[in-house]
Amino acid sequence: MLPFDLTDLTDQVLTLTPRQGLGIPVALVGAVFLALGAQLQHRGVGKVEVQLGGKAQGLSIRQLVALLSRPSWLIGTAMLGLAVLFQLTSLYLAPLIVVQPLGAVALVITALLNARVTKVKLDRLTIRAIALCVGGVAVFVTIAAFVAQETPITDSQLITVLIILLVVLAVAGTAFVVLRSRLKAIMYIVAAGVLYGFVVTLAKIVINRIVTGNFEWLTVICLVALLAATMLGAYFVQSAYASGPPDLVIAGLTVIDPLVAVSIGIVVLGEASQAPVIAVIAFAVAGIVAIYGVFQLAKHHPQNQR
């Protein structure tokens, strides 16, 4: 038995206004741009590696600068920017429950596109891993949309989020410096997904504070933390492209990012304080399934076996 009534979901989709219905194709267009952008950025990073020689263990400053001269990487970056714009617009137009799970479509598109570009056929284990990723995150976000309640964020809660992010940044930075030569794509992907989960949360907080006219020193600190997490996360993503296929990167981001963002809302912001126990259990199971799918994709992806 599910912790919510599926007829509620059906009723919500069927009663969408034309304006809300527009959010669905907008979200799908955003997913397409995300998939194409990832493929092009991956191609640009690969060409830089060939150009400068050697296998990157985290991109060097020289490699990062070289990316700025690669048309494929620049076009991919522009497409990712458009993906963010379309995804934000879709959330503005339609309910979260309708458009948020559609972001996982980017994983399917990227997997099919990458298989065609590299001429590497996806095997049964890879397809199963992708299904676990998409299914797990869809169930997780769907449950969150039904049981989570948005509440005013207090200064103490915001400070807690910032402290946790500071710890995450310190751990990620230290691990990169100490373990750089041993880091694999999955490690970069997990780190980037966690950081982007905080980015989404902080962006939501900052926008809310600006709209309500509550722009003060704590909001400025949020902006600084948001930019720091964004830049480090972007670096980890590019490093992941250097050591893993693009669909693996997208799998990590479309799974770990929303799981972290929703988890912060549940644990720190108390957005699911009224949720029944069965919903909490379902949260945990869906999250575990999705994350298991990411690690299975990293283990069984054909390009990682070559």
Protein backbone atom coordinates (compact mmCIF):
# COMPACT_ATOMS: atom_id res chain seq x y z
CA MET A 1 0.00 0.00 0.00
CA LEU A 2 1.40 3.39 -0.98
CA PRO A 3 1.57 6.30 1.51
CA PHE A 4 -0.70 8.33 -0.77
CA ASP A 5 -3.69 7.84 -3.03
CA LEU A 6 -2.75 7.42 -6.69
CA THR A 7 -6.09 8.92 -7.67
CA ASP A 8 -4.79 12.21 -6.28
CA LEU A 9 -2.00 12.13 -8.84
CA THR A 10 -4.41 11.27 -11.66
CA ASP A 11 -6.80 14.04 -10.66
CA GLN A 12 -3.95 16.54 -10.48
CA VAL A 13 -2.67 15.71 -13.97
CA LEU A 14 -6.15 15.69 -15.53
CA THR A 15 -7.13 19.02 -13.96
CA LEU A 16 -4.07 20.96 -15.15
CA THR A 17 -4.83 24.36 -16.59
CA PRO A 18 -3.43 25.14 -20.08
CA ARG A 19 -0.71 27.18 -18.41
CA GLN A 20 0.24 24.30 -16.10
CA GLY A 21 0.05 21.81 -18.95
CA LEU A 22 2.65 23.87 -20.78
CA GLY A 23 5.09 22.96 -18.02
CA ILE A 24 5.27 19.35 -19.26
CA PRO A 25 6.72 20.04 -22.75
CA VAL A 26 8.91 22.77 -21.26
CA ALA A 27 10.37 20.24 -18.79
CA LEU A 28 10.91 17.70 -21.58
CA VAL A 29 12.72 20.31 -23.70
CA GLY A 30 14.91 21.06 -20.69
CA ALA A 31 15.72 17.34 -20.36
CA VAL A 32 16.72 17.22 -24.05
CA PHE A 33 19.03 20.21 -23.63
CA LEU A 34 20.55 18.59 -20.52
CA ALA A 35 21.26 15.38 -22.43
CA LEU A 36 22.72 17.14 -25.47
CA GLY A 37 24.77 19.50 -23.32
CA ALA A 38 26.25 16.63 -21.35
CA GLN A 39 27.19 14.76 -24.53
CA LEU A 40 28.88 17.82 -26.05
CA GLN A 41 30.73 18.74 -22.87
CA HIS A 42 31.96 15.15 -22.57
CA ARG A 43 33.19 15.33 -26.16
CA GLY A 44 35.00 18.60 -25.48
CA VAL A 45 36.74 17.22 -22.38
CA GLY A 46 37.79 14.13 -24.36
CA LYS A 47 39.33 16.26 -27.10
CA VAL A 48 41.24 18.34 -24.57
CA GLU A 49 42.67 15.15 -23.07
CA VAL A 50 43.82 14.01 -26.52
CA GLN A 51 45.23 17.45 -27.28
CA LEU A 52 47.22 17.82 -24.07
CA GLY A 53 48.03 14.13 -23.60
CA GLY A 54 47.63 11.90 -20.58
CA LYS A 55 44.61 10.82 -18.59
CA ALA A 56 43.22 13.48 -16.32
CA GLN A 57 43.04 12.84 -12.58
CA GLY A 58 40.91 15.87 -12.01
CA LEU A 59 41.26 18.52 -14.70
CA SER A 60 44.27 20.82 -14.40
CA ILE A 61 44.10 24.59 -14.81
CA ARG A 62 45.67 24.19 -18.25
CA GLN A 63 42.95 21.74 -19.28
CA LEU A 64 40.21 23.99 -17.94
CA VAL A 65 41.55 26.91 -19.95
CA ALA A 66 41.81 24.68 -23.04
CA LEU A 67 38.11 23.82 -22.72
CA LEU A 68 37.28 27.47 -23.43
CA SER A 69 38.65 27.01 -26.96
CA ARG A 70 36.63 23.86 -27.71
CA PRO A 71 33.44 24.70 -29.67
CA SER A 72 31.77 21.43 -28.60
CA TRP A 73 32.34 22.21 -24.91
CA LEU A 74 31.14 25.81 -25.26
CA ILE A 75 28.00 24.76 -27.14
CA GLY A 76 27.38 22.06 -24.54
CA THR A 77 27.73 24.62 -21.75
CA ALA A 78 25.23 26.90 -23.49
CA MET A 79 22.80 23.99 -23.78
CA LEU A 80 23.15 23.19 -20.10
CA GLY A 81 22.36 26.83 -19.36
CA LEU A 82 19.21 26.51 -21.46
CA ALA A 83 18.36 23.27 -19.64
CA VAL A 84 18.46 25.09 -16.30
CA LEU A 85 16.30 27.90 -17.71
CA PHE A 86 13.69 25.48 -19.07
CA GLN A 87 13.62 23.41 -15.89
CA LEU A 88 13.11 26.47 -13.69
CA THR A 89 10.39 27.69 -16.04
CA SER A 90 8.62 24.33 -15.91
CA LEU A 91 8.61 24.42 -12.11
CA TYR A 92 7.14 27.92 -12.28
CA LEU A 93 4.41 26.82 -14.69
CA ALA A 94 3.38 23.42 -13.31
CA PRO A 95 3.22 21.54 -9.99
CA LEU A 96 6.40 19.85 -8.79
CA ILE A 97 4.74 16.41 -8.88
CA VAL A 98 4.09 16.77 -12.62
CA VAL A 99 7.41 18.07 -13.94
CA GLN A 100 10.15 17.11 -11.47
CA PRO A 101 10.31 13.38 -12.37
CA LEU A 102 10.59 14.32 -16.05
CA GLY A 103 14.20 15.41 -15.46
CA ALA A 104 15.14 11.74 -15.33
CA VAL A 105 14.23 11.56 -19.03
CA ALA A 106 17.62 13.20 -19.62
CA LEU A 107 19.31 10.01 -18.39
CA VAL A 108 17.46 7.86 -20.92
CA ILE A 109 18.17 10.30 -23.77
CA THR A 110 21.85 10.59 -22.82
CA ALA A 111 22.25 6.81 -22.61
CA LEU A 112 20.71 6.26 -26.07
CA LEU A 113 22.60 9.20 -27.60
CA ASN A 114 25.93 8.14 -26.14
CA ALA A 115 25.42 4.54 -27.29
CA ARG A 116 24.80 5.81 -30.83
CA VAL A 117 27.76 8.21 -30.84
CA THR A 118 30.25 5.70 -29.38
CA LYS A 119 28.69 2.69 -31.16
CA VAL A 120 28.72 0.86 -27.82
CA LYS A 121 25.52 -1.14 -27.32
CA LEU A 122 23.83 -0.97 -23.92
CA ASP A 123 23.58 -4.43 -22.39
CA ARG A 124 20.88 -5.83 -20.12
CA LEU A 125 22.67 -4.92 -16.87
CA THR A 126 23.16 -1.32 -18.00
CA ILE A 127 19.51 -0.95 -19.01
CA ARG A 128 18.42 -2.42 -15.67
CA ALA A 129 20.65 0.06 -13.81
CA ILE A 130 19.15 2.98 -15.73
CA ALA A 131 15.64 1.72 -14.93
CA LEU A 132 16.52 1.56 -11.22
CA CYS A 133 17.83 5.15 -11.34
CA VAL A 134 14.79 6.55 -13.11
CA GLY A 135 12.24 4.53 -11.16
CA GLY A 136 13.81 5.15 -7.77
CA VAL A 137 14.09 8.92 -8.12
CA ALA A 138 10.58 9.19 -9.63
CA VAL A 139 9.04 7.35 -6.66
CA PHE A 140 11.15 9.37 -4.18
CA VAL A 141 10.14 12.75 -5.62
CA THR A 142 6.51 11.68 -6.03
CA ILE A 143 6.22 10.71 -2.37
CA ALA A 144 7.93 13.96 -1.37
CA ALA A 145 5.44 15.97 -3.40
CA PHE A 146 2.51 14.35 -1.54
CA VAL A 147 3.77 14.39 2.05
CA ALA A 148 6.13 17.37 2.18
CA GLN A 149 4.82 20.71 3.41
CA GLU A 150 6.75 23.89 2.69
CA THR A 151 7.27 25.89 5.86
CA PRO A 152 8.95 29.25 6.57
CA ILE A 153 12.71 28.78 6.93
CA THR A 154 14.11 30.14 10.16
CA ASP A 155 17.56 31.68 10.51
CA SER A 156 18.69 28.77 12.70
CA GLN A 157 17.66 26.25 10.01
CA LEU A 158 19.46 28.23 7.34
CA ILE A 159 22.59 28.41 9.47
CA THR A 160 22.38 24.62 9.94
CA VAL A 161 22.23 24.13 6.15
CA LEU A 162 25.24 26.43 5.70
CA ILE A 163 27.25 24.60 8.39
CA ILE A 164 26.51 21.21 6.79
CA LEU A 165 27.51 22.61 3.38
CA LEU A 166 30.74 23.98 4.86
CA VAL A 167 31.56 20.51 6.19
CA VAL A 168 30.72 18.94 2.81
CA LEU A 169 32.94 21.48 0.98
CA ALA A 170 35.80 20.81 3.41
CA VAL A 171 35.49 17.02 3.08
CA ALA A 172 35.17 17.16 -0.72
CA GLY A 173 38.12 19.53 -1.05
CA THR A 174 40.32 17.51 1.28
CA ALA A 175 39.43 14.22 -0.41
CA PHE A 176 40.27 15.72 -3.79
CA VAL A 177 43.67 16.99 -2.65
CA VAL A 178 44.63 13.80 -0.79
CA LEU A 179 43.06 11.16 -3.06
CA ARG A 180 43.20 12.90 -6.43
CA SER A 181 45.28 10.22 -8.13
CA ARG A 182 42.86 7.49 -7.01
CA LEU A 183 39.50 9.17 -7.59
CA LYS A 184 37.20 7.53 -10.15
CA ALA A 185 34.29 8.95 -12.11
CA ILE A 186 31.69 7.73 -9.60
CA MET A 187 33.41 9.65 -6.79
CA TYR A 188 33.35 12.90 -8.76
CA ILE A 189 29.70 12.27 -9.68
CA VAL A 190 28.60 11.63 -6.10
CA ALA A 191 30.43 14.76 -4.91
CA ALA A 192 28.90 16.90 -7.66
CA GLY A 193 25.41 15.53 -7.02
CA VAL A 194 25.64 16.27 -3.29
CA LEU A 195 26.91 19.81 -3.93
CA TYR A 196 24.20 20.53 -6.51
CA GLY A 197 21.59 19.31 -4.03
CA PHE A 198 22.75 22.10 -1.71
CA VAL A 199 22.79 24.54 -4.64
CA VAL A 200 19.11 23.84 -5.38
CA THR A 201 18.20 24.28 -1.71
CA LEU A 202 20.14 27.53 -1.30
CA ALA A 203 18.79 28.91 -4.58
CA LYS A 204 15.25 28.26 -3.35
CA ILE A 205 16.03 30.00 -0.04
CA VAL A 206 17.68 33.01 -1.69
CA ILE A 207 14.83 33.50 -4.18
CA ASN A 208 12.30 33.27 -1.34
CA ARG A 209 14.17 35.85 0.72
CA ILE A 210 14.55 38.24 -2.19
CA VAL A 211 10.84 37.98 -3.07
CA THR A 212 9.84 38.62 0.56
CA GLY A 213 12.26 41.54 0.87
CA ASN A 214 14.35 39.73 3.48
CA PHE A 215 17.75 40.43 1.90
CA GLU A 216 20.33 40.74 4.69
CA TRP A 217 23.77 39.44 5.70
CA LEU A 218 22.62 35.83 5.98
CA THR A 219 21.24 35.96 2.45
CA VAL A 220 24.59 37.30 1.20
CA ILE A 221 26.36 34.38 2.89
CA CYS A 222 23.90 32.04 1.15
CA LEU A 223 24.81 33.56 -2.21
CA VAL A 224 28.53 33.12 -1.54
CA ALA A 225 28.03 29.52 -0.43
CA LEU A 226 25.81 28.85 -3.46
CA LEU A 227 28.48 30.15 -5.85
CA ALA A 228 31.24 28.16 -4.11
CA ALA A 229 29.21 24.93 -4.28
CA THR A 230 28.30 25.61 -7.91
CA MET A 231 31.89 26.16 -9.01
CA LEU A 232 33.30 23.14 -7.17
CA GLY A 233 30.41 21.00 -8.39
CA ALA A 234 30.99 22.13 -11.98
CA TYR A 235 34.67 21.23 -11.69
CA PHE A 236 33.80 17.75 -10.39
CA VAL A 237 31.36 17.26 -13.28
CA GLN A 238 34.03 18.14 -15.87
CA SER A 239 36.51 15.81 -14.13
CA ALA A 240 33.88 13.06 -14.20
CA TYR A 241 33.54 13.54 -17.98
CA ALA A 242 37.28 12.93 -18.22
CA SER A 243 37.01 9.52 -16.55
CA GLY A 244 33.50 8.25 -17.29
CA PRO A 245 30.69 8.19 -19.90
CA PRO A 246 28.21 11.11 -20.00
CA ASP A 247 25.15 9.01 -19.16
CA LEU A 248 26.84 7.92 -15.92
CA VAL A 249 27.41 11.59 -15.04
CA ILE A 250 23.78 12.47 -15.81
CA ALA A 251 22.61 9.44 -13.80
CA GLY A 252 24.46 10.71 -10.76
CA LEU A 253 23.18 14.25 -11.10
CA THR A 254 19.53 13.40 -11.83
CA VAL A 255 19.47 10.94 -8.93
CA ILE A 256 21.73 12.30 -6.19
CA ASP A 257 20.89 15.99 -6.70
CA PRO A 258 17.13 15.68 -5.99
CA LEU A 259 17.69 13.08 -3.26
CA VAL A 260 20.00 15.44 -1.38
CA ALA A 261 17.77 18.48 -1.90
CA VAL A 262 14.65 16.66 -0.69
CA SER A 263 16.56 15.07 2.20
CA ILE A 264 17.68 18.52 3.38
CA GLY A 265 14.08 19.64 3.24
CA ILE A 266 12.97 16.63 5.29
CA VAL A 267 15.75 16.43 7.90
CA VAL A 268 16.79 20.08 8.36
CA LEU A 269 13.83 22.16 7.21
CA GLY A 270 11.17 19.85 8.63
CA GLU A 271 9.13 19.75 5.44
CA ALA A 272 7.95 16.19 6.12
CA SER A 273 7.47 16.43 9.87
CA GLN A 274 3.83 15.33 9.48
CA ALA A 275 4.62 12.42 7.14
CA PRO A 276 3.46 8.94 8.27
CA VAL A 277 6.06 6.32 9.13
CA ILE A 278 5.30 4.33 5.97
CA ALA A 279 6.16 7.39 3.86
CA VAL A 280 9.52 7.73 5.60
CA ILE A 281 10.22 4.03 4.93
CA ALA A 282 9.19 4.48 1.28
CA PHE A 283 11.53 7.49 1.06
CA ALA A 284 14.44 5.38 2.27
CA VAL A 285 13.70 2.42 0.00
CA ALA A 286 13.24 4.57 -3.13
CA GLY A 287 16.41 6.50 -2.40
CA ILE A 288 18.44 3.34 -1.85
CA VAL A 289 17.12 1.84 -5.09
CA ALA A 290 18.03 4.96 -7.09
CA ILE A 291 21.54 5.22 -5.62
CA TYR A 292 22.07 1.47 -6.11
CA GLY A 293 21.18 2.02 -9.76
CA VAL A 294 23.88 4.69 -10.11
CA PHE A 295 26.57 2.41 -8.68
CA GLN A 296 25.37 -0.49 -10.82
CA LEU A 297 25.59 1.74 -13.89
CA ALA A 298 29.14 2.67 -12.94
CA LYS A 299 30.01 -1.00 -12.49
CA HIS A 300 28.37 -2.46 -15.59
CA HIS A 301 28.47 0.36 -18.17
CA PRO A 302 30.08 -1.03 -21.35
CA GLN A 303 32.45 1.94 -21.66
CA ASN A 304 33.81 1.26 -18.18
CA GLN A 305 34.63 -2.31 -19.18
CA ARG A 306 36.89 -1.30 -22.05
